[in-house]
């Protein structure tokens, strides 16, 4: 079993980096022997905001996050980054949680691999 941490830095739309990070996290999670954790930091904190509406046929970060949550992958969101962007706890996608640098540090130390996007 591999323990993998995905750290996403970019906003949900405008760049495909968070999209690609979530795609890979979801694919790794489907391999049942792997453990996946995701942490949103910086502009990626906006990925965790619920109620995303995108044009028909466009990828939806919220749906991708919900798939990872259903697969058992914990998702943390930098609390300082949330505060800076005016994102409140009650606006988070179900299954994600306001987190801290301490939790990110713990997850990083525990991980076999850390990938950043």
PDB file of N, CA and C in Angstrom:
ATOM      1  N   UNK A   1       0.848  -1.190   0.000  1.00  0.00           N
ATOM      2  CA  UNK A   1       0.000   0.000   0.000  1.00  0.00           C
ATOM      3  C   UNK A   1       0.888   1.246   0.000  1.00  0.00           C
ATOM      4  N   UNK A   2       0.526   2.186  -0.806  1.00  0.00           N
ATOM      5  CA  UNK A   2       1.201   3.484  -0.859  1.00  0.00           C
ATOM      6  C   UNK A   2       0.313   4.529  -0.199  1.00  0.00           C
ATOM      7  N   UNK A   3       0.912   5.371   0.623  1.00  0.00           N
ATOM      8  CA  UNK A   3       0.218   6.521   1.193  1.00  0.00           C
ATOM      9  C   UNK A   3       0.658   7.734   0.385  1.00  0.00           C
ATOM     10  N   UNK A   4      -0.326   8.363  -0.280  1.00  0.00           N
ATOM     11  CA  UNK A   4      -0.004   9.479  -1.163  1.00  0.00           C
ATOM     12  C   UNK A   4      -0.744  10.740  -0.739  1.00  0.00           C
ATOM     13  N   UNK A   5      -0.008  11.841  -0.724  1.00  0.00           N
ATOM     14  CA  UNK A   5      -0.569  13.144  -0.405  1.00  0.00           C
ATOM     15  C   UNK A   5      -0.494  14.023  -1.646  1.00  0.00           C
ATOM     16  N   UNK A   6      -1.629  14.606  -2.008  1.00  0.00           N
ATOM     17  CA  UNK A   6      -1.710  15.533  -3.124  1.00  0.00           C
ATOM     18  C   UNK A   6      -1.915  16.930  -2.553  1.00  0.00           C
ATOM     19  N   UNK A   7      -0.995  17.830  -2.831  1.00  0.00           N
ATOM     20  CA  UNK A   7      -1.102  19.214  -2.392  1.00  0.00           C
ATOM     21  C   UNK A   7      -1.411  20.062  -3.617  1.00  0.00           C
ATOM     22  N   UNK A   8      -2.581  20.700  -3.594  1.00  0.00           N
ATOM     23  CA  UNK A   8      -3.018  21.514  -4.728  1.00  0.00           C
ATOM     24  C   UNK A   8      -2.918  22.991  -4.357  1.00  0.00           C
ATOM     25  N   UNK A   9      -2.355  23.784  -5.272  1.00  0.00           N
ATOM     26  CA  UNK A   9      -2.099  25.202  -5.032  1.00  0.00           C
ATOM     27  C   UNK A   9      -2.914  26.145  -5.902  1.00  0.00           C
ATOM     28  N   UNK A  10      -3.445  25.671  -7.004  1.00  0.00           N
ATOM     29  CA  UNK A  10      -4.098  26.546  -7.985  1.00  0.00           C
ATOM     30  C   UNK A  10      -5.618  26.559  -7.806  1.00  0.00           C
ATOM     31  N   UNK A  11      -6.234  27.636  -8.244  1.00  0.00           N
ATOM     32  CA  UNK A  11      -7.680  27.772  -8.176  1.00  0.00           C
ATOM     33  C   UNK A  11      -8.385  26.703  -9.008  1.00  0.00           C
ATOM     34  N   UNK A  12      -9.681  26.556  -8.821  1.00  0.00           N
ATOM     35  CA  UNK A  12     -10.417  25.475  -9.473  1.00  0.00           C
ATOM     36  C   UNK A  12     -10.532  25.619 -10.986  1.00  0.00           C
ATOM     37  N   UNK A  13     -10.549  26.825 -11.481  1.00  0.00           N
ATOM     38  CA  UNK A  13     -10.757  27.033 -12.908  1.00  0.00           C
ATOM     39  C   UNK A  13      -9.767  28.091 -13.413  1.00  0.00           C
ATOM     40  N   UNK A  14      -9.512  28.083 -14.703  1.00  0.00           N
ATOM     41  CA  UNK A  14      -8.568  29.021 -15.292  1.00  0.00           C
ATOM     42  C   UNK A  14      -7.222  28.359 -15.560  1.00  0.00           C
ATOM     43  N   UNK A  15      -6.908  27.368 -14.783  1.00  0.00           N
ATOM     44  CA  UNK A  15      -5.717  26.546 -14.957  1.00  0.00           C
ATOM     45  C   UNK A  15      -6.190  25.116 -14.742  1.00  0.00           C
ATOM     46  N   UNK A  16      -5.596  24.182 -15.399  1.00  0.00           N
ATOM     47  CA  UNK A  16      -6.042  22.797 -15.229  1.00  0.00           C
ATOM     48  C   UNK A  16      -5.212  22.032 -14.210  1.00  0.00           C
ATOM     49  N   UNK A  17      -4.374  22.725 -13.435  1.00  0.00           N
ATOM     50  CA  UNK A  17      -3.499  22.033 -12.498  1.00  0.00           C
ATOM     51  C   UNK A  17      -4.281  21.327 -11.381  1.00  0.00           C
ATOM     52  N   UNK A  18      -5.223  22.002 -10.758  1.00  0.00           N
ATOM     53  CA  UNK A  18      -6.013  21.339  -9.708  1.00  0.00           C
ATOM     54  C   UNK A  18      -6.875  20.236 -10.305  1.00  0.00           C
ATOM     55  N   UNK A  19      -7.420  20.483 -11.465  1.00  0.00           N
ATOM     56  CA  UNK A  19      -8.199  19.463 -12.183  1.00  0.00           C
ATOM     57  C   UNK A  19      -7.352  18.207 -12.397  1.00  0.00           C
ATOM     58  N   UNK A  20      -6.140  18.389 -12.905  1.00  0.00           N
ATOM     59  CA  UNK A  20      -5.279  17.239 -13.165  1.00  0.00           C
ATOM     60  C   UNK A  20      -4.833  16.558 -11.869  1.00  0.00           C
ATOM     61  N   UNK A  21      -4.574  17.336 -10.835  1.00  0.00           N
ATOM     62  CA  UNK A  21      -4.224  16.746  -9.547  1.00  0.00           C
ATOM     63  C   UNK A  21      -5.358  15.894  -8.991  1.00  0.00           C
ATOM     64  N   UNK A  22      -6.583  16.385  -9.106  1.00  0.00           N
ATOM     65  CA  UNK A  22      -7.744  15.620  -8.631  1.00  0.00           C
ATOM     66  C   UNK A  22      -8.008  14.402  -9.500  1.00  0.00           C
ATOM     67  N   UNK A  23      -7.770  14.529 -10.798  1.00  0.00           N
ATOM     68  CA  UNK A  23      -7.910  13.359 -11.689  1.00  0.00           C
ATOM     69  C   UNK A  23      -6.960  12.259 -11.257  1.00  0.00           C
ATOM     70  N   UNK A  24      -5.711  12.617 -11.025  1.00  0.00           N
ATOM     71  CA  UNK A  24      -4.720  11.624 -10.631  1.00  0.00           C
ATOM     72  C   UNK A  24      -5.036  11.068  -9.243  1.00  0.00           C
ATOM     73  N   UNK A  25      -5.427  11.910  -8.313  1.00  0.00           N
ATOM     74  CA  UNK A  25      -5.785  11.444  -6.971  1.00  0.00           C
ATOM     75  C   UNK A  25      -6.931  10.437  -7.048  1.00  0.00           C
ATOM     76  N   UNK A  26      -7.935  10.722  -7.861  1.00  0.00           N
ATOM     77  CA  UNK A  26      -9.062   9.800  -8.024  1.00  0.00           C
ATOM     78  C   UNK A  26      -8.637   8.479  -8.628  1.00  0.00           C
ATOM     79  N   UNK A  27      -7.747   8.532  -9.617  1.00  0.00           N
ATOM     80  CA  UNK A  27      -7.267   7.301 -10.254  1.00  0.00           C
ATOM     81  C   UNK A  27      -6.444   6.460  -9.280  1.00  0.00           C
ATOM     82  N   UNK A  28      -5.592   7.105  -8.504  1.00  0.00           N
ATOM     83  CA  UNK A  28      -4.778   6.384  -7.508  1.00  0.00           C
ATOM     84  C   UNK A  28      -5.674   5.770  -6.439  1.00  0.00           C
ATOM     85  N   UNK A  29      -6.703   6.496  -6.040  1.00  0.00           N
ATOM     86  CA  UNK A  29      -7.620   6.002  -5.010  1.00  0.00           C
ATOM     87  C   UNK A  29      -8.380   4.767  -5.470  1.00  0.00           C
ATOM     88  N   UNK A  30      -8.644   4.667  -6.771  1.00  0.00           N
ATOM     89  CA  UNK A  30      -9.351   3.500  -7.291  1.00  0.00           C
ATOM     90  C   UNK A  30      -8.537   2.224  -7.137  1.00  0.00           C
ATOM     91  N   UNK A  31      -7.226   2.377  -7.080  1.00  0.00           N
ATOM     92  CA  UNK A  31      -6.361   1.224  -6.805  1.00  0.00           C
ATOM     93  C   UNK A  31      -6.478   0.960  -5.305  1.00  0.00           C
ATOM     94  N   UNK A  32      -7.217  -0.039  -4.926  1.00  0.00           N
ATOM     95  CA  UNK A  32      -7.660  -0.248  -3.549  1.00  0.00           C
ATOM     96  C   UNK A  32      -6.535  -0.317  -2.512  1.00  0.00           C
ATOM     97  N   UNK A  33      -5.329  -0.642  -2.926  1.00  0.00           N
ATOM     98  CA  UNK A  33      -4.255  -0.763  -1.952  1.00  0.00           C
ATOM     99  C   UNK A  33      -3.636   0.591  -1.584  1.00  0.00           C
ATOM    100  N   UNK A  34      -4.097   1.683  -2.164  1.00  0.00           N
ATOM    101  CA  UNK A  34      -3.517   2.995  -1.908  1.00  0.00           C
ATOM    102  C   UNK A  34      -4.389   3.856  -1.000  1.00  0.00           C
ATOM    103  N   UNK A  35      -3.715   4.689  -0.222  1.00  0.00           N
ATOM    104  CA  UNK A  35      -4.387   5.670   0.617  1.00  0.00           C
ATOM    105  C   UNK A  35      -4.070   7.047   0.047  1.00  0.00           C
ATOM    106  N   UNK A  36      -5.100   7.850  -0.149  1.00  0.00           N
ATOM    107  CA  UNK A  36      -4.936   9.171  -0.748  1.00  0.00           C
ATOM    108  C   UNK A  36      -5.479  10.234   0.198  1.00  0.00           C
ATOM    109  N   UNK A  37      -4.698  11.297   0.367  1.00  0.00           N
ATOM    110  CA  UNK A  37      -5.138  12.488   1.084  1.00  0.00           C
ATOM    111  C   UNK A  37      -4.900  13.674   0.159  1.00  0.00           C
ATOM    112  N   UNK A  38      -5.794  14.672   0.243  1.00  0.00           N
ATOM    113  CA  UNK A  38      -5.682  15.871  -0.584  1.00  0.00           C
ATOM    114  C   UNK A  38      -5.704  17.083   0.339  1.00  0.00           C
ATOM    115  N   UNK A  39      -4.829  18.047   0.029  1.00  0.00           N
ATOM    116  CA  UNK A  39      -4.785  19.284   0.805  1.00  0.00           C
ATOM    117  C   UNK A  39      -4.804  20.463  -0.154  1.00  0.00           C
ATOM    118  N   UNK A  40      -5.775  21.367   0.049  1.00  0.00           N
ATOM    119  CA  UNK A  40      -5.887  22.587  -0.745  1.00  0.00           C
ATOM    120  C   UNK A  40      -5.221  23.729   0.009  1.00  0.00           C
ATOM    121  N   UNK A  41      -4.318  24.426  -0.665  1.00  0.00           N
ATOM    122  CA  UNK A  41      -3.614  25.555  -0.050  1.00  0.00           C
ATOM    123  C   UNK A  41      -3.558  26.697  -1.061  1.00  0.00           C
ATOM    124  N   UNK A  42      -3.437  27.917  -0.583  1.00  0.00           N
ATOM    125  CA  UNK A  42      -3.405  29.081  -1.478  1.00  0.00           C
ATOM    126  C   UNK A  42      -4.723  29.213  -2.232  1.00  0.00           C
ATOM    127  N   UNK A  43      -4.617  29.547  -3.515  1.00  0.00           N
ATOM    128  CA  UNK A  43      -5.825  29.738  -4.326  1.00  0.00           C
ATOM    129  C   UNK A  43      -6.660  28.470  -4.457  1.00  0.00           C
ATOM    130  N   UNK A  44      -6.051  27.310  -4.212  1.00  0.00           N
ATOM    131  CA  UNK A  44      -6.796  26.050  -4.300  1.00  0.00           C
ATOM    132  C   UNK A  44      -7.867  25.940  -3.217  1.00  0.00           C
ATOM    133  N   UNK A  45      -7.798  26.773  -2.191  1.00  0.00           N
ATOM    134  CA  UNK A  45      -8.852  26.757  -1.164  1.00  0.00           C
ATOM    135  C   UNK A  45     -10.222  26.967  -1.805  1.00  0.00           C
ATOM    136  N   UNK A  46     -10.263  27.711  -2.895  1.00  0.00           N
ATOM    137  CA  UNK A  46     -11.534  27.962  -3.592  1.00  0.00           C
ATOM    138  C   UNK A  46     -12.102  26.698  -4.224  1.00  0.00           C
ATOM    139  N   UNK A  47     -11.277  25.690  -4.431  1.00  0.00           N
ATOM    140  CA  UNK A  47     -11.773  24.414  -4.970  1.00  0.00           C
ATOM    141  C   UNK A  47     -12.808  23.791  -4.046  1.00  0.00           C
ATOM    142  N   UNK A  48     -12.694  24.064  -2.764  1.00  0.00           N
ATOM    143  CA  UNK A  48     -13.535  23.395  -1.766  1.00  0.00           C
ATOM    144  C   UNK A  48     -14.878  24.074  -1.539  1.00  0.00           C
ATOM    145  N   UNK A  49     -15.142  25.166  -2.236  1.00  0.00           N
ATOM    146  CA  UNK A  49     -16.403  25.887  -2.036  1.00  0.00           C
ATOM    147  C   UNK A  49     -17.553  25.145  -2.712  1.00  0.00           C
ATOM    148  N   UNK A  50     -18.604  24.890  -1.965  1.00  0.00           N
ATOM    149  CA  UNK A  50     -19.756  24.162  -2.505  1.00  0.00           C
ATOM    150  C   UNK A  50     -20.598  25.057  -3.408  1.00  0.00           C
ATOM    151  N   UNK A  51     -21.432  24.405  -4.205  1.00  0.00           N
ATOM    152  CA  UNK A  51     -22.358  25.124  -5.072  1.00  0.00           C
ATOM    153  C   UNK A  51     -21.766  25.568  -6.400  1.00  0.00           C
ATOM    154  N   UNK A  52     -20.733  24.892  -6.847  1.00  0.00           N
ATOM    155  CA  UNK A  52     -20.099  25.270  -8.107  1.00  0.00           C
ATOM    156  C   UNK A  52     -21.034  24.983  -9.287  1.00  0.00           C
ATOM    157  N   UNK A  53     -21.150  25.964 -10.167  1.00  0.00           N
ATOM    158  CA  UNK A  53     -21.966  25.810 -11.377  1.00  0.00           C
ATOM    159  C   UNK A  53     -21.082  26.125 -12.566  1.00  0.00           C
ATOM    160  N   UNK A  54     -20.949  25.160 -13.444  1.00  0.00           N
ATOM    161  CA  UNK A  54     -20.095  25.328 -14.621  1.00  0.00           C
ATOM    162  C   UNK A  54     -20.914  25.081 -15.883  1.00  0.00           C
ATOM    163  N   UNK A  55     -20.434  25.566 -17.031  1.00  0.00           N
ATOM    164  CA  UNK A  55     -21.160  25.332 -18.286  1.00  0.00           C
ATOM    165  C   UNK A  55     -21.276  23.843 -18.603  1.00  0.00           C
ATOM    166  N   UNK A  56     -22.327  23.492 -19.305  1.00  0.00           N
ATOM    167  CA  UNK A  56     -22.553  22.112 -19.735  1.00  0.00           C
ATOM    168  C   UNK A  56     -21.305  21.589 -20.449  1.00  0.00           C
ATOM    169  N   UNK A  57     -20.857  20.404 -20.066  1.00  0.00           N
ATOM    170  CA  UNK A  57     -19.715  19.774 -20.707  1.00  0.00           C
ATOM    171  C   UNK A  57     -18.364  20.168 -20.128  1.00  0.00           C
ATOM    172  N   UNK A  58     -18.330  21.114 -19.186  1.00  0.00           N
ATOM    173  CA  UNK A  58     -17.092  21.556 -18.566  1.00  0.00           C
ATOM    174  C   UNK A  58     -16.870  20.743 -17.295  1.00  0.00           C
ATOM    175  N   UNK A  59     -15.635  20.461 -16.962  1.00  0.00           N
ATOM    176  CA  UNK A  59     -15.373  19.687 -15.743  1.00  0.00           C
ATOM    177  C   UNK A  59     -15.842  20.443 -14.511  1.00  0.00           C
ATOM    178  N   UNK A  60     -16.241  19.686 -13.494  1.00  0.00           N
ATOM    179  CA  UNK A  60     -16.751  20.269 -12.257  1.00  0.00           C
ATOM    180  C   UNK A  60     -15.892  19.765 -11.095  1.00  0.00           C
ATOM    181  N   UNK A  61     -15.097  20.658 -10.547  1.00  0.00           N
ATOM    182  CA  UNK A  61     -14.190  20.311  -9.444  1.00  0.00           C
ATOM    183  C   UNK A  61     -14.968  19.759  -8.246  1.00  0.00           C
ATOM    184  N   UNK A  62     -16.125  20.328  -7.960  1.00  0.00           N
ATOM    185  CA  UNK A  62     -16.916  19.863  -6.809  1.00  0.00           C
ATOM    186  C   UNK A  62     -17.270  18.387  -6.955  1.00  0.00           C
ATOM    187  N   UNK A  63     -17.689  17.968  -8.141  1.00  0.00           N
ATOM    188  CA  UNK A  63     -18.028  16.558  -8.354  1.00  0.00           C
ATOM    189  C   UNK A  63     -16.803  15.663  -8.205  1.00  0.00           C
ATOM    190  N   UNK A  64     -15.665  16.148  -8.668  1.00  0.00           N
ATOM    191  CA  UNK A  64     -14.428  15.376  -8.540  1.00  0.00           C
ATOM    192  C   UNK A  64     -14.055  15.194  -7.064  1.00  0.00           C
ATOM    193  N   UNK A  65     -14.223  16.246  -6.285  1.00  0.00           N
ATOM    194  CA  UNK A  65     -13.929  16.181  -4.855  1.00  0.00           C
ATOM    195  C   UNK A  65     -14.871  15.197  -4.169  1.00  0.00           C
ATOM    196  N   UNK A  66     -16.144  15.256  -4.509  1.00  0.00           N
ATOM    197  CA  UNK A  66     -17.118  14.349  -3.898  1.00  0.00           C
ATOM    198  C   UNK A  66     -16.777  12.889  -4.200  1.00  0.00           C
ATOM    199  N   UNK A  67     -16.254  12.598  -5.386  1.00  0.00           N
ATOM    200  CA  UNK A  67     -15.839  11.231  -5.722  1.00  0.00           C
ATOM    201  C   UNK A  67     -14.681  10.775  -4.837  1.00  0.00           C
ATOM    202  N   UNK A  68     -13.742  11.653  -4.582  1.00  0.00           N
ATOM    203  CA  UNK A  68     -12.614  11.300  -3.708  1.00  0.00           C
ATOM    204  C   UNK A  68     -13.098  11.082  -2.282  1.00  0.00           C
ATOM    205  N   UNK A  69     -13.987  11.937  -1.827  1.00  0.00           N
ATOM    206  CA  UNK A  69     -14.550  11.780  -0.472  1.00  0.00           C
ATOM    207  C   UNK A  69     -15.282  10.442  -0.358  1.00  0.00           C
ATOM    208  N   UNK A  70     -16.080  10.088  -1.368  1.00  0.00           N
ATOM    209  CA  UNK A  70     -16.796   8.808  -1.351  1.00  0.00           C
ATOM    210  C   UNK A  70     -15.824   7.628  -1.311  1.00  0.00           C
ATOM    211  N   UNK A  71     -14.654   7.801  -1.910  1.00  0.00           N
ATOM    212  CA  UNK A  71     -13.639   6.760  -1.914  1.00  0.00           C
ATOM    213  C   UNK A  71     -12.839   6.690  -0.627  1.00  0.00           C
ATOM    214  N   UNK A  72     -13.138   7.563   0.315  1.00  0.00           N
ATOM    215  CA  UNK A  72     -12.471   7.520   1.616  1.00  0.00           C
ATOM    216  C   UNK A  72     -11.269   8.425   1.759  1.00  0.00           C
ATOM    217  N   UNK A  73     -11.034   9.274   0.779  1.00  0.00           N
ATOM    218  CA  UNK A  73      -9.883  10.172   0.852  1.00  0.00           C
ATOM    219  C   UNK A  73     -10.198  11.433   1.628  1.00  0.00           C
ATOM    220  N   UNK A  74      -9.502  11.680   2.747  1.00  0.00           N
ATOM    221  CA  UNK A  74      -9.733  12.922   3.489  1.00  0.00           C
ATOM    222  C   UNK A  74      -9.207  14.126   2.708  1.00  0.00           C
ATOM    223  N   UNK A  75      -9.916  15.238   2.816  1.00  0.00           N
ATOM    224  CA  UNK A  75      -9.527  16.451   2.111  1.00  0.00           C
ATOM    225  C   UNK A  75      -9.502  17.609   3.106  1.00  0.00           C
ATOM    226  N   UNK A  76      -8.317  18.175   3.264  1.00  0.00           N
ATOM    227  CA  UNK A  76      -8.131  19.322   4.145  1.00  0.00           C
ATOM    228  C   UNK A  76      -7.995  20.599   3.329  1.00  0.00           C
ATOM    229  N   UNK A  77      -8.443  21.691   3.925  1.00  0.00           N
ATOM    230  CA  UNK A  77      -8.361  23.009   3.282  1.00  0.00           C
ATOM    231  C   UNK A  77      -7.667  23.949   4.259  1.00  0.00           C
ATOM    232  N   UNK A  78      -6.624  24.612   3.798  1.00  0.00           N
ATOM    233  CA  UNK A  78      -5.884  25.538   4.657  1.00  0.00           C
ATOM    234  C   UNK A  78      -6.828  26.588   5.234  1.00  0.00           C
ATOM    235  N   UNK A  79      -6.927  26.628   6.551  1.00  0.00           N
ATOM    236  CA  UNK A  79      -7.815  27.576   7.214  1.00  0.00           C
ATOM    237  C   UNK A  79      -7.403  29.021   7.011  1.00  0.00           C
ATOM    238  N   UNK A  80      -6.111  29.292   7.032  1.00  0.00           N
ATOM    239  CA  UNK A  80      -5.624  30.647   6.795  1.00  0.00           C
ATOM    240  C   UNK A  80      -5.969  31.095   5.379  1.00  0.00           C
ATOM    241  N   UNK A  81      -5.831  30.186   4.425  1.00  0.00           N
ATOM    242  CA  UNK A  81      -6.157  30.488   3.025  1.00  0.00           C
ATOM    243  C   UNK A  81      -7.655  30.709   2.846  1.00  0.00           C
ATOM    244  N   UNK A  82      -8.462  29.926   3.569  1.00  0.00           N
ATOM    245  CA  UNK A  82      -9.913  30.121   3.534  1.00  0.00           C
ATOM    246  C   UNK A  82     -10.264  31.508   4.049  1.00  0.00           C
ATOM    247  N   UNK A  83      -9.705  31.866   5.189  1.00  0.00           N
ATOM    248  CA  UNK A  83      -9.991  33.163   5.799  1.00  0.00           C
ATOM    249  C   UNK A  83      -9.607  34.308   4.858  1.00  0.00           C
ATOM    250  N   UNK A  84      -8.448  34.192   4.210  1.00  0.00           N
ATOM    251  CA  UNK A  84      -7.982  35.239   3.302  1.00  0.00           C
ATOM    252  C   UNK A  84      -8.918  35.418   2.111  1.00  0.00           C
ATOM    253  N   UNK A  85      -9.631  34.363   1.760  1.00  0.00           N
ATOM    254  CA  UNK A  85     -10.517  34.400   0.597  1.00  0.00           C
ATOM    255  C   UNK A  85     -11.989  34.520   0.985  1.00  0.00           C
ATOM    256  N   UNK A  86     -12.260  34.683   2.262  1.00  0.00           N
ATOM    257  CA  UNK A  86     -13.635  34.861   2.722  1.00  0.00           C
ATOM    258  C   UNK A  86     -14.492  33.618   2.609  1.00  0.00           C
ATOM    259  N   UNK A  87     -13.871  32.447   2.673  1.00  0.00           N
ATOM    260  CA  UNK A  87     -14.617  31.178   2.599  1.00  0.00           C
ATOM    261  C   UNK A  87     -14.887  30.711   4.018  1.00  0.00           C
ATOM    262  N   UNK A  88     -16.159  30.493   4.338  1.00  0.00           N
ATOM    263  CA  UNK A  88     -16.564  30.083   5.681  1.00  0.00           C
ATOM    264  C   UNK A  88     -16.752  28.568   5.743  1.00  0.00           C
ATOM    265  N   UNK A  89     -16.610  28.016   6.949  1.00  0.00           N
ATOM    266  CA  UNK A  89     -16.730  26.567   7.149  1.00  0.00           C
ATOM    267  C   UNK A  89     -18.007  25.997   6.546  1.00  0.00           C
ATOM    268  N   UNK A  90     -19.124  26.720   6.702  1.00  0.00           N
ATOM    269  CA  UNK A  90     -20.410  26.204   6.219  1.00  0.00           C
ATOM    270  C   UNK A  90     -20.533  26.254   4.695  1.00  0.00           C
ATOM    271  N   UNK A  91     -19.546  26.805   4.006  1.00  0.00           N
ATOM    272  CA  UNK A  91     -19.545  26.854   2.549  1.00  0.00           C
ATOM    273  C   UNK A  91     -18.735  25.720   1.931  1.00  0.00           C
ATOM    274  N   UNK A  92     -18.083  24.920   2.772  1.00  0.00           N
ATOM    275  CA  UNK A  92     -17.233  23.845   2.265  1.00  0.00           C
ATOM    276  C   UNK A  92     -18.059  22.684   1.721  1.00  0.00           C
ATOM    277  N   UNK A  93     -17.522  22.031   0.720  1.00  0.00           N
ATOM    278  CA  UNK A  93     -18.124  20.823   0.172  1.00  0.00           C
ATOM    279  C   UNK A  93     -18.150  19.772   1.272  1.00  0.00           C
ATOM    280  N   UNK A  94     -19.260  19.047   1.403  1.00  0.00           N
ATOM    281  CA  UNK A  94     -19.361  17.985   2.402  1.00  0.00           C
ATOM    282  C   UNK A  94     -18.204  17.005   2.248  1.00  0.00           C
ATOM    283  N   UNK A  95     -17.587  16.684   3.363  1.00  0.00           N
ATOM    284  CA  UNK A  95     -16.469  15.743   3.349  1.00  0.00           C
ATOM    285  C   UNK A  95     -15.116  16.425   3.365  1.00  0.00           C
ATOM    286  N   UNK A  96     -15.076  17.726   3.086  1.00  0.00           N
ATOM    287  CA  UNK A  96     -13.831  18.481   3.227  1.00  0.00           C
ATOM    288  C   UNK A  96     -13.861  19.176   4.583  1.00  0.00           C
ATOM    289  N   UNK A  97     -12.695  19.577   5.063  1.00  0.00           N
ATOM    290  CA  UNK A  97     -12.683  20.231   6.364  1.00  0.00           C
ATOM    291  C   UNK A  97     -11.619  21.319   6.430  1.00  0.00           C
ATOM    292  N   UNK A  98     -11.906  22.332   7.243  1.00  0.00           N
ATOM    293  CA  UNK A  98     -10.944  23.399   7.495  1.00  0.00           C
ATOM    294  C   UNK A  98      -9.770  22.781   8.243  1.00  0.00           C
ATOM    295  N   UNK A  99      -8.582  23.021   7.767  1.00  0.00           N
ATOM    296  CA  UNK A  99      -7.414  22.352   8.309  1.00  0.00           C
ATOM    297  C   UNK A  99      -6.344  23.363   8.708  1.00  0.00           C
ATOM    298  N   UNK A 100      -5.188  22.830   9.061  1.00  0.00           N
ATOM    299  CA  UNK A 100      -4.095  23.657   9.564  1.00  0.00           C
ATOM    300  C   UNK A 100      -2.771  23.220   8.943  1.00  0.00           C
ATOM    301  N   UNK A 101      -1.772  24.061   9.105  1.00  0.00           N
ATOM    302  CA  UNK A 101      -0.432  23.711   8.675  1.00  0.00           C
ATOM    303  C   UNK A 101       0.087  22.519   9.481  1.00  0.00           C
ATOM    304  N   UNK A 102      -0.345  22.399  10.725  1.00  0.00           N
ATOM    305  CA  UNK A 102       0.054  21.247  11.552  1.00  0.00           C
ATOM    306  C   UNK A 102      -0.449  19.935  10.957  1.00  0.00           C
ATOM    307  N   UNK A 103      -1.699  19.925  10.492  1.00  0.00           N
ATOM    308  CA  UNK A 103      -2.222  18.710   9.877  1.00  0.00           C
ATOM    309  C   UNK A 103      -1.487  18.411   8.572  1.00  0.00           C
ATOM    310  N   UNK A 104      -1.218  19.448   7.767  1.00  0.00           N
ATOM    311  CA  UNK A 104      -0.471  19.239   6.531  1.00  0.00           C
ATOM    312  C   UNK A 104       0.923  18.674   6.835  1.00  0.00           C
ATOM    313  N   UNK A 105       1.544  19.169   7.867  1.00  0.00           N
ATOM    314  CA  UNK A 105       2.857  18.661   8.273  1.00  0.00           C
ATOM    315  C   UNK A 105       2.774  17.187   8.643  1.00  0.00           C
ATOM    316  N   UNK A 106       1.770  16.829   9.428  1.00  0.00           N
ATOM    317  CA  UNK A 106       1.566  15.431   9.831  1.00  0.00           C
ATOM    318  C   UNK A 106       1.340  14.543   8.606  1.00  0.00           C
ATOM    319  N   UNK A 107       0.468  14.972   7.704  1.00  0.00           N
ATOM    320  CA  UNK A 107       0.171  14.198   6.498  1.00  0.00           C
ATOM    321  C   UNK A 107       1.420  14.035   5.633  1.00  0.00           C
ATOM    322  N   UNK A 108       2.241  15.088   5.563  1.00  0.00           N
ATOM    323  CA  UNK A 108       3.463  15.039   4.755  1.00  0.00           C
ATOM    324  C   UNK A 108       4.449  14.030   5.322  1.00  0.00           C
ATOM    325  N   UNK A 109       4.618  14.039   6.628  1.00  0.00           N
ATOM    326  CA  UNK A 109       5.543  13.109   7.281  1.00  0.00           C
ATOM    327  C   UNK A 109       5.081  11.664   7.116  1.00  0.00           C
ATOM    328  N   UNK A 110       3.778  11.429   7.178  1.00  0.00           N
ATOM    329  CA  UNK A 110       3.223  10.075   7.062  1.00  0.00           C
ATOM    330  C   UNK A 110       3.241   9.539   5.632  1.00  0.00           C
ATOM    331  N   UNK A 111       3.253  10.428   4.648  1.00  0.00           N
ATOM    332  CA  UNK A 111       3.108  10.020   3.241  1.00  0.00           C
ATOM    333  C   UNK A 111       4.364   9.327   2.709  1.00  0.00           C
ATOM    334  N   UNK A 112       4.116   8.320   1.864  1.00  0.00           N
ATOM    335  CA  UNK A 112       5.219   7.705   1.118  1.00  0.00           C
ATOM    336  C   UNK A 112       5.608   8.600  -0.068  1.00  0.00           C
ATOM    337  N   UNK A 113       4.614   9.264  -0.636  1.00  0.00           N
ATOM    338  CA  UNK A 113       4.837  10.145  -1.778  1.00  0.00           C
ATOM    339  C   UNK A 113       3.997  11.392  -1.602  1.00  0.00           C
ATOM    340  N   UNK A 114       4.583  12.548  -1.966  1.00  0.00           N
ATOM    341  CA  UNK A 114       3.879  13.814  -1.948  1.00  0.00           C
ATOM    342  C   UNK A 114       3.951  14.394  -3.344  1.00  0.00           C
ATOM    343  N   UNK A 115       2.781  14.686  -3.923  1.00  0.00           N
ATOM    344  CA  UNK A 115       2.703  15.281  -5.250  1.00  0.00           C
ATOM    345  C   UNK A 115       2.086  16.661  -5.121  1.00  0.00           C
ATOM    346  N   UNK A 116       2.664  17.624  -5.829  1.00  0.00           N
ATOM    347  CA  UNK A 116       2.116  18.973  -5.782  1.00  0.00           C
ATOM    348  C   UNK A 116       1.677  19.406  -7.167  1.00  0.00           C
ATOM    349  N   UNK A 117       0.575  20.116  -7.186  1.00  0.00           N
ATOM    350  CA  UNK A 117       0.027  20.665  -8.426  1.00  0.00           C
ATOM    351  C   UNK A 117      -0.275  22.128  -8.212  1.00  0.00           C
TER     352      UNK A 117
END
